[in-house]
PDB file of N, CA and C in Angstrom:
ATOM      1  N   UNK A   1     -17.691  29.588 -15.865  1.00  0.00           N
ATOM      2  CA  UNK A   1     -17.302  28.235 -16.229  1.00  0.00           C
ATOM      3  C   UNK A   1     -18.553  27.362 -16.142  1.00  0.00           C
ATOM      4  N   UNK A   2     -18.778  26.502 -17.142  1.00  0.00           N
ATOM      5  CA  UNK A   2     -19.937  25.634 -17.148  1.00  0.00           C
ATOM      6  C   UNK A   2     -19.898  24.623 -16.014  1.00  0.00           C
ATOM      7  N   UNK A   3     -21.099  24.146 -15.647  1.00  0.00           N
ATOM      8  CA  UNK A   3     -21.184  23.194 -14.535  1.00  0.00           C
ATOM      9  C   UNK A   3     -20.377  21.930 -14.818  1.00  0.00           C
ATOM     10  N   UNK A   4     -20.402  21.472 -16.066  1.00  0.00           N
ATOM     11  CA  UNK A   4     -19.658  20.249 -16.378  1.00  0.00           C
ATOM     12  C   UNK A   4     -18.161  20.462 -16.232  1.00  0.00           C
ATOM     13  N   UNK A   5     -17.688  21.689 -16.537  1.00  0.00           N
ATOM     14  CA  UNK A   5     -16.261  21.973 -16.380  1.00  0.00           C
ATOM     15  C   UNK A   5     -15.873  21.980 -14.897  1.00  0.00           C
ATOM     16  N   UNK A   6     -16.758  22.512 -14.064  1.00  0.00           N
ATOM     17  CA  UNK A   6     -16.506  22.500 -12.631  1.00  0.00           C
ATOM     18  C   UNK A   6     -16.439  21.055 -12.142  1.00  0.00           C
ATOM     19  N   UNK A   7     -17.356  20.218 -12.639  1.00  0.00           N
ATOM     20  CA  UNK A   7     -17.364  18.800 -12.263  1.00  0.00           C
ATOM     21  C   UNK A   7     -16.092  18.096 -12.681  1.00  0.00           C
ATOM     22  N   UNK A   8     -15.643  18.370 -13.881  1.00  0.00           N
ATOM     23  CA  UNK A   8     -14.401  17.749 -14.359  1.00  0.00           C
ATOM     24  C   UNK A   8     -13.216  18.225 -13.526  1.00  0.00           C
ATOM     25  N   UNK A   9     -13.177  19.512 -13.219  1.00  0.00           N
ATOM     26  CA  UNK A   9     -12.085  20.037 -12.399  1.00  0.00           C
ATOM     27  C   UNK A   9     -12.098  19.381 -11.028  1.00  0.00           C
ATOM     28  N   UNK A  10     -13.284  19.189 -10.457  1.00  0.00           N
ATOM     29  CA  UNK A  10     -13.389  18.541  -9.147  1.00  0.00           C
ATOM     30  C   UNK A  10     -12.887  17.102  -9.219  1.00  0.00           C
ATOM     31  N   UNK A  11     -13.219  16.399 -10.304  1.00  0.00           N
ATOM     32  CA  UNK A  11     -12.761  15.018 -10.459  1.00  0.00           C
ATOM     33  C   UNK A  11     -11.242  14.955 -10.558  1.00  0.00           C
ATOM     34  N   UNK A  12     -10.644  15.899 -11.262  1.00  0.00           N
ATOM     35  CA  UNK A  12      -9.192  15.928 -11.390  1.00  0.00           C
ATOM     36  C   UNK A  12      -8.556  16.155 -10.025  1.00  0.00           C
ATOM     37  N   UNK A  13      -9.106  17.091  -9.254  1.00  0.00           N
ATOM     38  CA  UNK A  13      -8.581  17.369  -7.922  1.00  0.00           C
ATOM     39  C   UNK A  13      -8.768  16.152  -7.028  1.00  0.00           C
ATOM     40  N   UNK A  14      -9.958  15.531  -7.061  1.00  0.00           N
ATOM     41  CA  UNK A  14     -10.197  14.338  -6.249  1.00  0.00           C
ATOM     42  C   UNK A  14      -9.261  13.208  -6.654  1.00  0.00           C
ATOM     43  N   UNK A  15      -9.014  13.066  -7.935  1.00  0.00           N
ATOM     44  CA  UNK A  15      -8.114  12.021  -8.406  1.00  0.00           C
ATOM     45  C   UNK A  15      -6.707  12.221  -7.865  1.00  0.00           C
ATOM     46  N   UNK A  16      -6.244  13.454  -7.840  1.00  0.00           N
ATOM     47  CA  UNK A  16      -4.916  13.739  -7.304  1.00  0.00           C
ATOM     48  C   UNK A  16      -4.876  13.446  -5.808  1.00  0.00           C
ATOM     49  N   UNK A  17      -5.939  13.813  -5.104  1.00  0.00           N
ATOM     50  CA  UNK A  17      -5.990  13.549  -3.662  1.00  0.00           C
ATOM     51  C   UNK A  17      -6.007  12.051  -3.398  1.00  0.00           C
ATOM     52  N   UNK A  18      -6.702  11.290  -4.233  1.00  0.00           N
ATOM     53  CA  UNK A  18      -6.772   9.838  -4.061  1.00  0.00           C
ATOM     54  C   UNK A  18      -5.396   9.215  -4.243  1.00  0.00           C
ATOM     55  N   UNK A  19      -4.646   9.687  -5.226  1.00  0.00           N
ATOM     56  CA  UNK A  19      -3.313   9.133  -5.453  1.00  0.00           C
ATOM     57  C   UNK A  19      -2.419   9.352  -4.240  1.00  0.00           C
ATOM     58  N   UNK A  20      -2.552  10.517  -3.613  1.00  0.00           N
ATOM     59  CA  UNK A  20      -1.763  10.801  -2.422  1.00  0.00           C
ATOM     60  C   UNK A  20      -2.251   9.943  -1.267  1.00  0.00           C
ATOM     61  N   UNK A  21      -3.557   9.830  -1.118  1.00  0.00           N
ATOM     62  CA  UNK A  21      -4.158   9.076  -0.018  1.00  0.00           C
ATOM     63  C   UNK A  21      -3.755   7.604  -0.071  1.00  0.00           C
ATOM     64  N   UNK A  22      -3.756   7.016  -1.242  1.00  0.00           N
ATOM     65  CA  UNK A  22      -3.490   5.586  -1.373  1.00  0.00           C
ATOM     66  C   UNK A  22      -2.103   5.216  -0.863  1.00  0.00           C
ATOM     67  N   UNK A  23      -1.164   6.132  -0.954  1.00  0.00           N
ATOM     68  CA  UNK A  23       0.184   5.841  -0.498  1.00  0.00           C
ATOM     69  C   UNK A  23       0.349   5.941   1.008  1.00  0.00           C
ATOM     70  N   UNK A  24      -0.711   6.322   1.721  1.00  0.00           N
ATOM     71  CA  UNK A  24      -0.612   6.526   3.161  1.00  0.00           C
ATOM     72  C   UNK A  24      -0.477   5.219   3.926  1.00  0.00           C
ATOM     73  N   UNK A  25      -0.944   4.123   3.394  1.00  0.00           N
ATOM     74  CA  UNK A  25      -0.866   2.829   4.075  1.00  0.00           C
ATOM     75  C   UNK A  25       0.401   2.110   3.623  1.00  0.00           C
ATOM     76  N   UNK A  26       1.337   2.024   4.532  1.00  0.00           N
ATOM     77  CA  UNK A  26       2.607   1.377   4.188  1.00  0.00           C
ATOM     78  C   UNK A  26       2.702   0.030   4.886  1.00  0.00           C
ATOM     79  N   UNK A  27       2.878  -0.995   4.086  1.00  0.00           N
ATOM     80  CA  UNK A  27       3.007  -2.348   4.644  1.00  0.00           C
ATOM     81  C   UNK A  27       4.316  -2.458   5.417  1.00  0.00           C
ATOM     82  N   UNK A  28       4.283  -3.147   6.556  1.00  0.00           N
ATOM     83  CA  UNK A  28       5.514  -3.293   7.338  1.00  0.00           C
ATOM     84  C   UNK A  28       6.487  -4.244   6.646  1.00  0.00           C
ATOM     85  N   UNK A  29       7.731  -4.041   6.952  1.00  0.00           N
ATOM     86  CA  UNK A  29       8.766  -4.926   6.408  1.00  0.00           C
ATOM     87  C   UNK A  29       8.956  -6.087   7.372  1.00  0.00           C
ATOM     88  N   UNK A  30       9.012  -7.289   6.833  1.00  0.00           N
ATOM     89  CA  UNK A  30       9.190  -8.481   7.671  1.00  0.00           C
ATOM     90  C   UNK A  30      10.517  -8.401   8.407  1.00  0.00           C
ATOM     91  N   UNK A  31      10.518  -8.819   9.649  1.00  0.00           N
ATOM     92  CA  UNK A  31      11.769  -8.761  10.424  1.00  0.00           C
ATOM     93  C   UNK A  31      12.797  -9.765   9.911  1.00  0.00           C
ATOM     94  N   UNK A  32      14.047  -9.400  10.079  1.00  0.00           N
ATOM     95  CA  UNK A  32      15.156 -10.287   9.712  1.00  0.00           C
ATOM     96  C   UNK A  32      15.335 -11.307  10.816  1.00  0.00           C
ATOM     97  N   UNK A  33      15.547 -12.529  10.434  1.00  0.00           N
ATOM     98  CA  UNK A  33      15.881 -13.560  11.421  1.00  0.00           C
ATOM     99  C   UNK A  33      17.132 -14.285  10.925  1.00  0.00           C
ATOM    100  N   UNK A  34      18.126 -14.347  11.771  1.00  0.00           N
ATOM    101  CA  UNK A  34      19.371 -15.015  11.371  1.00  0.00           C
ATOM    102  C   UNK A  34      19.135 -16.507  11.110  1.00  0.00           C
ATOM    103  N   UNK A  35      19.993 -17.075  10.328  1.00  0.00           N
ATOM    104  CA  UNK A  35      19.884 -18.511  10.040  1.00  0.00           C
ATOM    105  C   UNK A  35      20.658 -19.358  11.051  1.00  0.00           C
ATOM    106  N   UNK A  36      21.593 -18.736  11.721  1.00  0.00           N
ATOM    107  CA  UNK A  36      22.418 -19.457  12.709  1.00  0.00           C
ATOM    108  C   UNK A  36      21.703 -19.467  14.064  1.00  0.00           C
ATOM    109  N   UNK A  37      21.380 -20.653  14.595  1.00  0.00           N
ATOM    110  CA  UNK A  37      20.710 -20.739  15.895  1.00  0.00           C
ATOM    111  C   UNK A  37      21.459 -20.013  17.024  1.00  0.00           C
ATOM    112  N   UNK A  38      22.770 -19.989  16.952  1.00  0.00           N
ATOM    113  CA  UNK A  38      23.550 -19.291  17.984  1.00  0.00           C
ATOM    114  C   UNK A  38      23.265 -17.790  17.944  1.00  0.00           C
ATOM    115  N   UNK A  39      23.159 -17.246  16.742  1.00  0.00           N
ATOM    116  CA  UNK A  39      22.826 -15.818  16.599  1.00  0.00           C
ATOM    117  C   UNK A  39      21.409 -15.535  17.097  1.00  0.00           C
ATOM    118  N   UNK A  40      20.504 -16.464  16.847  1.00  0.00           N
ATOM    119  CA  UNK A  40      19.122 -16.292  17.315  1.00  0.00           C
ATOM    120  C   UNK A  40      19.111 -16.228  18.838  1.00  0.00           C
ATOM    121  N   UNK A  41      19.829 -17.128  19.466  1.00  0.00           N
ATOM    122  CA  UNK A  41      19.885 -17.129  20.936  1.00  0.00           C
ATOM    123  C   UNK A  41      20.562 -15.851  21.452  1.00  0.00           C
ATOM    124  N   UNK A  42      21.635 -15.445  20.802  1.00  0.00           N
ATOM    125  CA  UNK A  42      22.393 -14.270  21.258  1.00  0.00           C
ATOM    126  C   UNK A  42      21.573 -12.983  21.140  1.00  0.00           C
ATOM    127  N   UNK A  43      20.741 -12.898  20.122  1.00  0.00           N
ATOM    128  CA  UNK A  43      19.982 -11.673  19.871  1.00  0.00           C
ATOM    129  C   UNK A  43      18.475 -11.860  20.098  1.00  0.00           C
ATOM    130  N   UNK A  44      18.120 -12.830  20.907  1.00  0.00           N
ATOM    131  CA  UNK A  44      16.706 -13.173  21.111  1.00  0.00           C
ATOM    132  C   UNK A  44      15.873 -11.972  21.553  1.00  0.00           C
ATOM    133  N   UNK A  45      16.396 -11.150  22.469  1.00  0.00           N
ATOM    134  CA  UNK A  45      15.621 -10.001  22.937  1.00  0.00           C
ATOM    135  C   UNK A  45      15.359  -8.999  21.809  1.00  0.00           C
ATOM    136  N   UNK A  46      16.385  -8.713  21.019  1.00  0.00           N
ATOM    137  CA  UNK A  46      16.214  -7.787  19.889  1.00  0.00           C
ATOM    138  C   UNK A  46      15.276  -8.370  18.834  1.00  0.00           C
ATOM    139  N   UNK A  47      15.434  -9.642  18.556  1.00  0.00           N
ATOM    140  CA  UNK A  47      14.574 -10.296  17.564  1.00  0.00           C
ATOM    141  C   UNK A  47      13.121 -10.295  18.028  1.00  0.00           C
ATOM    142  N   UNK A  48      12.914 -10.579  19.302  1.00  0.00           N
ATOM    143  CA  UNK A  48      11.563 -10.564  19.869  1.00  0.00           C
ATOM    144  C   UNK A  48      10.945  -9.171  19.695  1.00  0.00           C
ATOM    145  N   UNK A  49      11.699  -8.132  19.986  1.00  0.00           N
ATOM    146  CA  UNK A  49      11.210  -6.755  19.819  1.00  0.00           C
ATOM    147  C   UNK A  49      10.863  -6.471  18.357  1.00  0.00           C
ATOM    148  N   UNK A  50      11.716  -6.952  17.449  1.00  0.00           N
ATOM    149  CA  UNK A  50      11.450  -6.748  16.012  1.00  0.00           C
ATOM    150  C   UNK A  50      10.155  -7.434  15.595  1.00  0.00           C
ATOM    151  N   UNK A  51       9.937  -8.652  16.065  1.00  0.00           N
ATOM    152  CA  UNK A  51       8.713  -9.372  15.712  1.00  0.00           C
ATOM    153  C   UNK A  51       7.486  -8.692  16.302  1.00  0.00           C
ATOM    154  N   UNK A  52       7.572  -8.263  17.560  1.00  0.00           N
ATOM    155  CA  UNK A  52       6.443  -7.593  18.193  1.00  0.00           C
ATOM    156  C   UNK A  52       6.123  -6.278  17.484  1.00  0.00           C
ATOM    157  N   UNK A  53       7.157  -5.557  17.090  1.00  0.00           N
ATOM    158  CA  UNK A  53       6.953  -4.312  16.340  1.00  0.00           C
ATOM    159  C   UNK A  53       6.301  -4.612  14.988  1.00  0.00           C
ATOM    160  N   UNK A  54       6.738  -5.688  14.347  1.00  0.00           N
ATOM    161  CA  UNK A  54       6.150  -6.070  13.066  1.00  0.00           C
ATOM    162  C   UNK A  54       4.655  -6.357  13.217  1.00  0.00           C
ATOM    163  N   UNK A  55       4.292  -7.137  14.232  1.00  0.00           N
ATOM    164  CA  UNK A  55       2.885  -7.481  14.427  1.00  0.00           C
ATOM    165  C   UNK A  55       2.045  -6.238  14.713  1.00  0.00           C
ATOM    166  N   UNK A  56       2.577  -5.321  15.500  1.00  0.00           N
ATOM    167  CA  UNK A  56       1.855  -4.066  15.779  1.00  0.00           C
ATOM    168  C   UNK A  56       1.713  -3.242  14.500  1.00  0.00           C
ATOM    169  N   UNK A  57       2.785  -3.157  13.715  1.00  0.00           N
ATOM    170  CA  UNK A  57       2.735  -2.407  12.453  1.00  0.00           C
ATOM    171  C   UNK A  57       1.785  -3.062  11.457  1.00  0.00           C
ATOM    172  N   UNK A  58       1.742  -4.382  11.440  1.00  0.00           N
ATOM    173  CA  UNK A  58       0.826  -5.090  10.538  1.00  0.00           C
ATOM    174  C   UNK A  58      -0.622  -4.779  10.903  1.00  0.00           C
ATOM    175  N   UNK A  59      -0.929  -4.748  12.198  1.00  0.00           N
ATOM    176  CA  UNK A  59      -2.287  -4.408  12.624  1.00  0.00           C
ATOM    177  C   UNK A  59      -2.642  -2.985  12.217  1.00  0.00           C
ATOM    178  N   UNK A  60      -1.714  -2.054  12.391  1.00  0.00           N
ATOM    179  CA  UNK A  60      -1.945  -0.663  11.984  1.00  0.00           C
ATOM    180  C   UNK A  60      -2.163  -0.582  10.471  1.00  0.00           C
ATOM    181  N   UNK A  61      -1.408  -1.360   9.724  1.00  0.00           N
ATOM    182  CA  UNK A  61      -1.552  -1.390   8.266  1.00  0.00           C
ATOM    183  C   UNK A  61      -2.938  -1.898   7.867  1.00  0.00           C
ATOM    184  N   UNK A  62      -3.389  -2.970   8.509  1.00  0.00           N
ATOM    185  CA  UNK A  62      -4.721  -3.506   8.193  1.00  0.00           C
ATOM    186  C   UNK A  62      -5.808  -2.488   8.518  1.00  0.00           C
ATOM    187  N   UNK A  63      -5.661  -1.768   9.631  1.00  0.00           N
ATOM    188  CA  UNK A  63      -6.642  -0.722   9.972  1.00  0.00           C
ATOM    189  C   UNK A  63      -6.630   0.385   8.924  1.00  0.00           C
ATOM    190  N   UNK A  64      -5.448   0.779   8.506  1.00  0.00           N
ATOM    191  CA  UNK A  64      -5.313   1.822   7.486  1.00  0.00           C
ATOM    192  C   UNK A  64      -5.967   1.388   6.179  1.00  0.00           C
ATOM    193  N   UNK A  65      -5.716   0.146   5.775  1.00  0.00           N
ATOM    194  CA  UNK A  65      -6.294  -0.362   4.532  1.00  0.00           C
ATOM    195  C   UNK A  65      -7.826  -0.393   4.614  1.00  0.00           C
ATOM    196  N   UNK A  66      -8.369  -0.759   5.760  1.00  0.00           N
ATOM    197  CA  UNK A  66      -9.815  -0.783   5.937  1.00  0.00           C
ATOM    198  C   UNK A  66     -10.389   0.629   5.849  1.00  0.00           C
ATOM    199  N   UNK A  67      -9.721   1.595   6.464  1.00  0.00           N
ATOM    200  CA  UNK A  67     -10.169   2.982   6.375  1.00  0.00           C
ATOM    201  C   UNK A  67     -10.112   3.472   4.927  1.00  0.00           C
ATOM    202  N   UNK A  68      -9.072   3.110   4.232  1.00  0.00           N
ATOM    203  CA  UNK A  68      -8.926   3.510   2.826  1.00  0.00           C
ATOM    204  C   UNK A  68     -10.012   2.855   1.972  1.00  0.00           C
ATOM    205  N   UNK A  69     -10.323   1.596   2.237  1.00  0.00           N
ATOM    206  CA  UNK A  69     -11.397   0.904   1.508  1.00  0.00           C
ATOM    207  C   UNK A  69     -12.720   1.625   1.721  1.00  0.00           C
ATOM    208  N   UNK A  70     -13.003   1.997   2.957  1.00  0.00           N
ATOM    209  CA  UNK A  70     -14.245   2.704   3.248  1.00  0.00           C
ATOM    210  C   UNK A  70     -14.290   4.065   2.555  1.00  0.00           C
ATOM    211  N   UNK A  71     -13.167   4.773   2.564  1.00  0.00           N
ATOM    212  CA  UNK A  71     -13.106   6.088   1.913  1.00  0.00           C
ATOM    213  C   UNK A  71     -13.365   5.973   0.421  1.00  0.00           C
ATOM    214  N   UNK A  72     -12.725   4.994  -0.217  1.00  0.00           N
ATOM    215  CA  UNK A  72     -12.899   4.823  -1.659  1.00  0.00           C
ATOM    216  C   UNK A  72     -14.322   4.370  -1.981  1.00  0.00           C
ATOM    217  N   UNK A  73     -14.907   3.563  -1.127  1.00  0.00           N
ATOM    218  CA  UNK A  73     -16.290   3.133  -1.336  1.00  0.00           C
ATOM    219  C   UNK A  73     -17.219   4.346  -1.342  1.00  0.00           C
ATOM    220  N   UNK A  74     -17.049   5.243  -0.349  1.00  0.00           N
ATOM    221  CA  UNK A  74     -17.872   6.463  -0.312  1.00  0.00           C
ATOM    222  C   UNK A  74     -17.607   7.323  -1.539  1.00  0.00           C
ATOM    223  N   UNK A  75     -16.349   7.441  -1.919  1.00  0.00           N
ATOM    224  CA  UNK A  75     -15.992   8.232  -3.093  1.00  0.00           C
ATOM    225  C   UNK A  75     -16.636   7.642  -4.348  1.00  0.00           C
ATOM    226  N   UNK A  76     -16.620   6.318  -4.471  1.00  0.00           N
ATOM    227  CA  UNK A  76     -17.219   5.669  -5.642  1.00  0.00           C
ATOM    228  C   UNK A  76     -18.724   5.940  -5.701  1.00  0.00           C
ATOM    229  N   UNK A  77     -19.373   5.996  -4.559  1.00  0.00           N
ATOM    230  CA  UNK A  77     -20.796   6.333  -4.545  1.00  0.00           C
ATOM    231  C   UNK A  77     -21.006   7.758  -5.073  1.00  0.00           C
ATOM    232  N   UNK A  78     -20.181   8.698  -4.616  1.00  0.00           N
ATOM    233  CA  UNK A  78     -20.287  10.082  -5.085  1.00  0.00           C
ATOM    234  C   UNK A  78     -20.015  10.180  -6.584  1.00  0.00           C
ATOM    235  N   UNK A  79     -19.012   9.459  -7.049  1.00  0.00           N
ATOM    236  CA  UNK A  79     -18.669   9.487  -8.476  1.00  0.00           C
ATOM    237  C   UNK A  79     -19.790   8.868  -9.302  1.00  0.00           C
ATOM    238  N   UNK A  80     -20.422   7.824  -8.785  1.00  0.00           N
ATOM    239  CA  UNK A  80     -21.548   7.208  -9.484  1.00  0.00           C
ATOM    240  C   UNK A  80     -22.683   8.208  -9.642  1.00  0.00           C
ATOM    241  N   UNK A  81     -22.970   8.962  -8.581  1.00  0.00           N
ATOM    242  CA  UNK A  81     -24.009   9.990  -8.664  1.00  0.00           C
ATOM    243  C   UNK A  81     -23.622  11.059  -9.681  1.00  0.00           C
ATOM    244  N   UNK A  82     -22.368  11.485  -9.668  1.00  0.00           N
ATOM    245  CA  UNK A  82     -21.901  12.502 -10.614  1.00  0.00           C
ATOM    246  C   UNK A  82     -22.009  11.992 -12.046  1.00  0.00           C
ATOM    247  N   UNK A  83     -21.688  10.720 -12.243  1.00  0.00           N
ATOM    248  CA  UNK A  83     -21.790  10.137 -13.580  1.00  0.00           C
ATOM    249  C   UNK A  83     -23.247  10.096 -14.041  1.00  0.00           C
ATOM    250  N   UNK A  84     -24.139   9.710 -13.132  1.00  0.00           N
ATOM    251  CA  UNK A  84     -25.565   9.706 -13.483  1.00  0.00           C
ATOM    252  C   UNK A  84     -26.045  11.083 -13.877  1.00  0.00           C
ATOM    253  N   UNK A  85     -25.607  12.094 -13.141  1.00  0.00           N
ATOM    254  CA  UNK A  85     -25.979  13.466 -13.475  1.00  0.00           C
ATOM    255  C   UNK A  85     -25.403  13.860 -14.838  1.00  0.00           C
ATOM    256  N   UNK A  86     -24.164  13.467 -15.110  1.00  0.00           N
ATOM    257  CA  UNK A  86     -23.557  13.775 -16.399  1.00  0.00           C
ATOM    258  C   UNK A  86     -24.359  13.143 -17.535  1.00  0.00           C
ATOM    259  N   UNK A  87     -24.784  11.899 -17.342  1.00  0.00           N
ATOM    260  CA  UNK A  87     -25.583  11.218 -18.370  1.00  0.00           C
ATOM    261  C   UNK A  87     -26.888  11.967 -18.603  1.00  0.00           C
ATOM    262  N   UNK A  88     -27.514  12.448 -17.545  1.00  0.00           N
ATOM    263  CA  UNK A  88     -28.735  13.232 -17.690  1.00  0.00           C
ATOM    264  C   UNK A  88     -28.480  14.503 -18.477  1.00  0.00           C
ATOM    265  N   UNK A  89     -27.375  15.170 -18.179  1.00  0.00           N
ATOM    266  CA  UNK A  89     -27.048  16.439 -18.848  1.00  0.00           C
ATOM    267  C   UNK A  89     -26.840  16.229 -20.335  1.00  0.00           C
ATOM    268  N   UNK A  90     -26.130  15.172 -20.712  1.00  0.00           N
ATOM    269  CA  UNK A  90     -25.858  14.952 -22.140  1.00  0.00           C
ATOM    270  C   UNK A  90     -27.027  14.281 -22.840  1.00  0.00           C
ATOM    271  N   UNK A  91     -28.030  13.816 -22.066  1.00  0.00           N
ATOM    272  CA  UNK A  91     -29.242  13.278 -22.670  1.00  0.00           C
ATOM    273  C   UNK A  91     -29.134  11.874 -23.192  1.00  0.00           C
ATOM    274  N   UNK A  92     -28.325  11.052 -22.582  1.00  0.00           N
ATOM    275  CA  UNK A  92     -28.208   9.660 -23.028  1.00  0.00           C
ATOM    276  C   UNK A  92     -29.105   8.769 -22.235  1.00  0.00           C
TER     277      UNK A  92
END
């Protein structure tokens, strides 16, 4: 198999891996808060736990997104090098 075919196959595999990777960061769902003040008072402990869990999940999400940004940045550098090599091969 020619070198360019190997490169294209690698790009296809990397592209599939990227699609899977991007879905790894899941944004948290905002907690429900009742509109009735009596319900808020009655369920204050549960609501507090929901909010605290949300804030922790949001922080984890931001960390995940930052890791994903860094991964894609490194990948883009590799792809840029591969593209430069491809341009050299085709003589443009």
